[in-house]
C-alpha atoms as a PDB file:
ATOM      1  CA  ALA A   1       2.787 -12.946  -0.182  1.00  0.00           C
ATOM      2  CA  GLU A   2       0.212 -13.632   2.045  1.00  0.00           C
ATOM      3  CA  ARG A   3       0.975 -11.134   5.051  1.00  0.00           C
ATOM      4  CA  LEU A   4       3.180  -8.820   6.093  1.00  0.00           C
ATOM      5  CA  ILE A   5       4.545  -9.981   9.750  1.00  0.00           C
ATOM      6  CA  ALA A   6       5.575  -7.034  11.697  1.00  0.00           C
ATOM      7  CA  GLU A   7       6.567  -6.470  15.532  1.00  0.00           C
ATOM      8  CA  ARG A   8       5.598  -3.701  17.638  1.00  0.00           C
ATOM      9  CA  THR A   9       7.933  -1.106  19.297  1.00  0.00           C
ATOM     10  CA  LYS A  10       7.965   1.006  21.979  1.00  0.00           C
ATOM     11  CA  LEU A  11      10.338   4.412  22.502  1.00  0.00           C
ATOM     12  CA  ASP A  12      13.035   3.551  25.193  1.00  0.00           C
ATOM     13  CA  GLU A  13      14.932   6.463  27.204  1.00  0.00           C
ATOM     14  CA  SER A  14      17.087   7.659  24.420  1.00  0.00           C
ATOM     15  CA  GLY A  15      13.842   8.163  22.106  1.00  0.00           C
ATOM     16  CA  GLY A  16      14.685   5.278  20.175  1.00  0.00           C
ATOM     17  CA  SER A  17      12.736   2.593  19.010  1.00  0.00           C
ATOM     18  CA  VAL A  18      12.968  -1.144  20.092  1.00  0.00           C
ATOM     19  CA  GLY A  19      11.378  -4.492  19.673  1.00  0.00           C
ATOM     20  CA  THR A  20       8.974  -5.248  22.295  1.00  0.00           C
ATOM     21  CA  GLY A  21       8.723  -9.435  20.968  1.00  0.00           C
ATOM     22  CA  GLU A  22       4.825  -9.106  20.160  1.00  0.00           C
ATOM     23  CA  THR A  23       4.460  -9.595  16.639  1.00  0.00           C
ATOM     24  CA  TYR A  24       1.649  -9.136  14.230  1.00  0.00           C
ATOM     25  CA  ALA A  25       0.200 -10.043  10.837  1.00  0.00           C
ATOM     26  CA  ILE A  26      -1.436  -7.518   8.244  1.00  0.00           C
ATOM     27  CA  PRO A  27      -2.997  -9.494   5.140  1.00  0.00           C
ATOM     28  CA  ALA A  28      -1.350  -8.280   2.206  1.00  0.00           C
ATOM     29  CA  PRO A  29      -1.179  -9.978  -1.219  1.00  0.00           C
ATOM     30  CA  LEU A  30       1.990  -7.559  -2.242  1.00  0.00           C
ATOM     31  CA  VAL A  31       4.474  -6.323   0.016  1.00  0.00           C
ATOM     32  CA  VAL A  32       6.842  -3.796  -1.085  1.00  0.00           C
ATOM     33  CA  SER A  33       9.817  -3.075   1.074  1.00  0.00           C
ATOM     34  CA  CYS A  34      12.439   0.321   0.166  1.00  0.00           C
ATOM     35  CA  ILE A  35      13.774   1.258   3.262  1.00  0.00           C
ATOM     36  CA  GLY A  36      17.712   1.837   4.095  1.00  0.00           C
ATOM     37  CA  TYR A  37      20.813   1.562   2.456  1.00  0.00           C
ATOM     38  CA  SER A  38      21.438  -2.111   2.482  1.00  0.00           C
ATOM     39  CA  THR A  39      19.400  -4.914   1.679  1.00  0.00           C
ATOM     40  CA  PRO A  40      18.911  -7.406   4.809  1.00  0.00           C
ATOM     41  CA  PRO A  41      18.581 -10.889   4.319  1.00  0.00           C
ATOM     42  CA  ILE A  42      14.925 -12.813   4.422  1.00  0.00           C
ATOM     43  CA  ASP A  43      14.129 -16.075   6.068  1.00  0.00           C
ATOM     44  CA  GLY A  44      13.976 -18.268   2.754  1.00  0.00           C
ATOM     45  CA  VAL A  45      14.482 -15.861   0.276  1.00  0.00           C
ATOM     46  CA  PRO A  46      18.048 -16.354  -1.957  1.00  0.00           C
ATOM     47  CA  TYR A  47      20.350 -13.542  -0.872  1.00  0.00           C
ATOM     48  CA  ASP A  48      23.747 -13.037  -2.147  1.00  0.00           C
ATOM     49  CA  ASP A  49      25.820 -12.109   0.516  1.00  0.00           C
ATOM     50  CA  ARG A  50      28.908 -10.752  -1.627  1.00  0.00           C
ATOM     51  CA  GLY A  51      26.565  -8.270  -3.747  1.00  0.00           C
ATOM     52  CA  GLY A  52      24.549  -7.220  -0.220  1.00  0.00           C
ATOM     53  CA  LYS A  53      21.183  -8.463  -2.600  1.00  0.00           C
ATOM     54  CA  PHE A  54      18.929 -10.767  -3.189  1.00  0.00           C
ATOM     55  CA  ALA A  55      19.562 -13.589  -5.703  1.00  0.00           C
ATOM     56  CA  ASN A  56      17.593 -12.753  -9.112  1.00  0.00           C
ATOM     57  CA  ASP A  57      17.551 -12.788 -12.379  1.00  0.00           C
ATOM     58  CA  GLN A  58      16.318  -9.256 -13.506  1.00  0.00           C
ATOM     59  CA  GLY A  59      14.268  -8.812 -10.526  1.00  0.00           C
ATOM     60  CA  ARG A  60      12.740 -12.188 -10.395  1.00  0.00           C
ATOM     61  CA  ILE A  61      13.709 -13.992  -7.674  1.00  0.00           C
ATOM     62  CA  ALA A  62      11.061 -16.608  -7.584  1.00  0.00           C
ATOM     63  CA  GLU A  63       7.726 -17.249  -8.631  1.00  0.00           C
ATOM     64  CA  ARG A  64       5.464 -14.131  -7.822  1.00  0.00           C
ATOM     65  CA  LEU A  65       8.749 -12.913  -5.610  1.00  0.00           C
ATOM     66  CA  TYR A  66      10.816  -9.848  -7.041  1.00  0.00           C
ATOM     67  CA  CYS A  67      12.857  -6.936  -6.360  1.00  0.00           C
ATOM     68  CA  VAL A  68      13.778  -3.593  -7.583  1.00  0.00           C
ATOM     69  CA  GLY A  69      16.630  -0.910  -6.494  1.00  0.00           C
ATOM     70  CA  TRP A  70      19.319  -1.932  -4.628  1.00  0.00           C
ATOM     71  CA  ALA A  71      17.784  -5.383  -3.413  1.00  0.00           C
ATOM     72  CA  ARG A  72      18.055  -6.582  -7.092  1.00  0.00           C
ATOM     73  CA  ARG A  73      21.489  -4.542  -7.951  1.00  0.00           C
ATOM     74  CA  GLY A  74      23.274  -3.866  -4.655  1.00  0.00           C
ATOM     75  CA  PRO A  75      23.890  -0.256  -3.320  1.00  0.00           C
ATOM     76  CA  SER A  76      24.233   1.989  -7.036  1.00  0.00           C
ATOM     77  CA  GLY A  77      22.442   4.523  -8.246  1.00  0.00           C
ATOM     78  CA  THR A  78      20.355   7.151  -7.881  1.00  0.00           C
ATOM     79  CA  ILE A  79      16.383   7.611  -7.549  1.00  0.00           C
ATOM     80  CA  GLY A  80      16.907   8.477 -11.050  1.00  0.00           C
ATOM     81  CA  THR A  81      18.094   4.587 -11.632  1.00  0.00           C
ATOM     82  CA  ASN A  82      15.824   2.962  -9.422  1.00  0.00           C
ATOM     83  CA  ARG A  83      12.807   4.514 -11.264  1.00  0.00           C
ATOM     84  CA  PRO A  84      13.389   2.395 -14.508  1.00  0.00           C
ATOM     85  CA  ASP A  85      14.509  -0.543 -12.978  1.00  0.00           C
ATOM     86  CA  GLY A  86      11.107  -0.364 -10.779  1.00  0.00           C
ATOM     87  CA  GLN A  87       9.240   0.009 -14.328  1.00  0.00           C
ATOM     88  CA  GLU A  88      11.554  -2.778 -15.981  1.00  0.00           C
ATOM     89  CA  VAL A  89      10.266  -5.167 -12.617  1.00  0.00           C
ATOM     90  CA  ALA A  90       6.650  -4.099 -12.850  1.00  0.00           C
ATOM     91  CA  GLU A  91       6.417  -4.762 -16.427  1.00  0.00           C
ATOM     92  CA  GLN A  92       7.678  -8.191 -15.465  1.00  0.00           C
ATOM     93  CA  ILE A  93       4.742  -8.890 -13.152  1.00  0.00           C
ATOM     94  CA  VAL A  94       2.599  -7.597 -15.472  1.00  0.00           C
ATOM     95  CA  ALA A  95       3.741 -10.007 -18.254  1.00  0.00           C
ATOM     96  CA  ALA A  96       3.951 -12.932 -15.875  1.00  0.00           C
ATOM     97  CA  MET A  97       0.233 -12.584 -14.767  1.00  0.00           C
ATOM     98  CA  PRO A  98      -2.145 -15.204 -16.082  1.00  0.00           C
ATOM     99  CA  ALA A  99      -4.289 -14.526 -19.100  1.00  0.00           C
ATOM    100  CA  GLY A 100      -8.214 -13.481 -18.217  1.00  0.00           C
ATOM    101  CA  GLY A 101      -6.844 -11.786 -15.083  1.00  0.00           C
ATOM    102  CA  GLU A 102      -8.151  -8.423 -15.951  1.00  0.00           C
ATOM    103  CA  LYS A 103     -10.158  -6.776 -13.256  1.00  0.00           C
ATOM    104  CA  ALA A 104     -14.075  -5.063 -13.472  1.00  0.00           C
ATOM    105  CA  GLY A 105     -12.629  -1.719 -12.485  1.00  0.00           C
ATOM    106  CA  GLY A 106     -15.178   0.579 -11.937  1.00  0.00           C
ATOM    107  CA  GLU A 107     -18.220  -0.917 -13.266  1.00  0.00           C
ATOM    108  CA  GLY A 108     -17.371  -4.079 -11.911  1.00  0.00           C
ATOM    109  CA  LEU A 109     -17.312  -2.164  -8.550  1.00  0.00           C
ATOM    110  CA  ASP A 110     -20.635  -0.793  -9.066  1.00  0.00           C
ATOM    111  CA  ARG A 111     -22.372  -3.920  -9.552  1.00  0.00           C
ATOM    112  CA  LEU A 112     -20.868  -5.597  -6.973  1.00  0.00           C
ATOM    113  CA  LEU A 113     -22.139  -2.559  -4.540  1.00  0.00           C
ATOM    114  CA  ALA A 114     -25.238  -2.077  -5.976  1.00  0.00           C
ATOM    115  CA  GLU A 115     -25.559  -6.869  -5.696  1.00  0.00           C
ATOM    116  CA  ARG A 116     -24.746  -6.441  -2.030  1.00  0.00           C
ATOM    117  CA  GLY A 117     -27.358  -3.265  -1.476  1.00  0.00           C
ATOM    118  CA  VAL A 118     -24.774  -0.645  -0.750  1.00  0.00           C
ATOM    119  CA  ARG A 119     -24.953   2.961  -1.673  1.00  0.00           C
ATOM    120  CA  PRO A 120     -21.422   4.701  -2.677  1.00  0.00           C
ATOM    121  CA  THR A 121     -21.134   8.203  -2.404  1.00  0.00           C
ATOM    122  CA  SER A 122     -20.410   9.369  -5.134  1.00  0.00           C
ATOM    123  CA  PHE A 123     -17.761  12.756  -6.132  1.00  0.00           C
ATOM    124  CA  ALA A 124     -21.623  14.833  -5.693  1.00  0.00           C
ATOM    125  CA  ASP A 125     -22.192  13.839  -2.306  1.00  0.00           C
ATOM    126  CA  TRP A 126     -18.694  14.227  -1.448  1.00  0.00           C
ATOM    127  CA  ARG A 127     -19.435  17.646  -2.364  1.00  0.00           C
ATOM    128  CA  THR A 128     -23.142  18.395  -0.647  1.00  0.00           C
ATOM    129  CA  ILE A 129     -21.030  16.680   2.646  1.00  0.00           C
ATOM    130  CA  GLU A 130     -18.221  18.662   2.202  1.00  0.00           C
ATOM    131  CA  ALA A 131     -20.762  22.194   1.548  1.00  0.00           C
ATOM    132  CA  ALA A 132     -22.638  21.224   5.078  1.00  0.00           C
ATOM    133  CA  GLU A 133     -19.348  20.664   6.733  1.00  0.00           C
ATOM    134  CA  ALA A 134     -18.755  24.189   5.848  1.00  0.00           C
ATOM    135  CA  ALA A 135     -21.936  25.856   6.301  1.00  0.00           C
ATOM    136  CA  ALA A 136     -22.344  24.506  10.137  1.00  0.00           C
ATOM    137  CA  ALA A 137     -18.158  25.875  10.583  1.00  0.00           C
ATOM    138  CA  ARG A 138     -17.944  27.829  14.183  1.00  0.00           C
ATOM    139  CA  ASP A 139     -15.594  30.051  16.104  1.00  0.00           C
ATOM    140  CA  GLY A 140     -13.321  30.440  12.455  1.00  0.00           C
ATOM    141  CA  SER A 141     -12.541  26.920  11.561  1.00  0.00           C
ATOM    142  CA  PRO A 142     -13.245  26.087   7.986  1.00  0.00           C
ATOM    143  CA  ARG A 143     -15.596  23.102   9.080  1.00  0.00           C
ATOM    144  CA  GLU A 144     -17.705  21.326  11.503  1.00  0.00           C
ATOM    145  CA  LYS A 145     -16.678  17.439  10.457  1.00  0.00           C
ATOM    146  CA  MET A 146     -19.259  15.264  10.158  1.00  0.00           C
ATOM    147  CA  VAL A 147     -18.324  11.665  11.923  1.00  0.00           C
ATOM    148  CA  ARG A 148     -21.055   9.667  11.799  1.00  0.00           C
ATOM    149  CA  HIS A 149     -22.411   8.066   8.622  1.00  0.00           C
ATOM    150  CA  GLN A 150     -25.811   8.455   9.619  1.00  0.00           C
ATOM    151  CA  HIS A 151     -25.744  12.231   9.413  1.00  0.00           C
ATOM    152  CA  TRP A 152     -23.907  12.276   5.899  1.00  0.00           C
ATOM    153  CA  LEU A 153     -26.928   9.885   5.021  1.00  0.00           C
ATOM    154  CA  THR A 154     -29.440  12.540   6.338  1.00  0.00           C
ATOM    155  CA  THR A 155     -27.388  15.466   4.693  1.00  0.00           C
ATOM    156  CA  LEU A 156     -27.660  13.764   1.186  1.00  0.00           C
ATOM    157  CA  GLY A 157     -31.645  12.730   1.841  1.00  0.00           C
ATOM    158  CA  HIS A 158     -31.334   9.357   2.461  1.00  0.00           C
END
């Protein structure tokens, strides 16, 4: 997947949702749909009309395209059935990933931020900010929320 294309909606007179015809795209390397009782077909994706599910081999529809739950089996089972089903397909996805696809994790992110001159907010920083917000509370509120990044930096002494 490269993106999710969605349609803007509005409420009708009865409070129901109706499409406006206006669409927009959301960049997404992975799209997971898990809504509804039946699995509607998607243009270009092999579909089993009789079973009401995507045509698949143990959850794999095509390269980099998988389905789980009712989209895989048709409307059957419960949450308890769907969880191991999802785990099995997740294992297939991991097994299909190319070798060397490991990410650098938190340390890699720290290096990248340092290279770009970006100072991340640590948990200790967050606690300092939270304490300052609580100290600034007024009128019985639990805190006075800091909404400007510059205020955070000043509070942290930067």
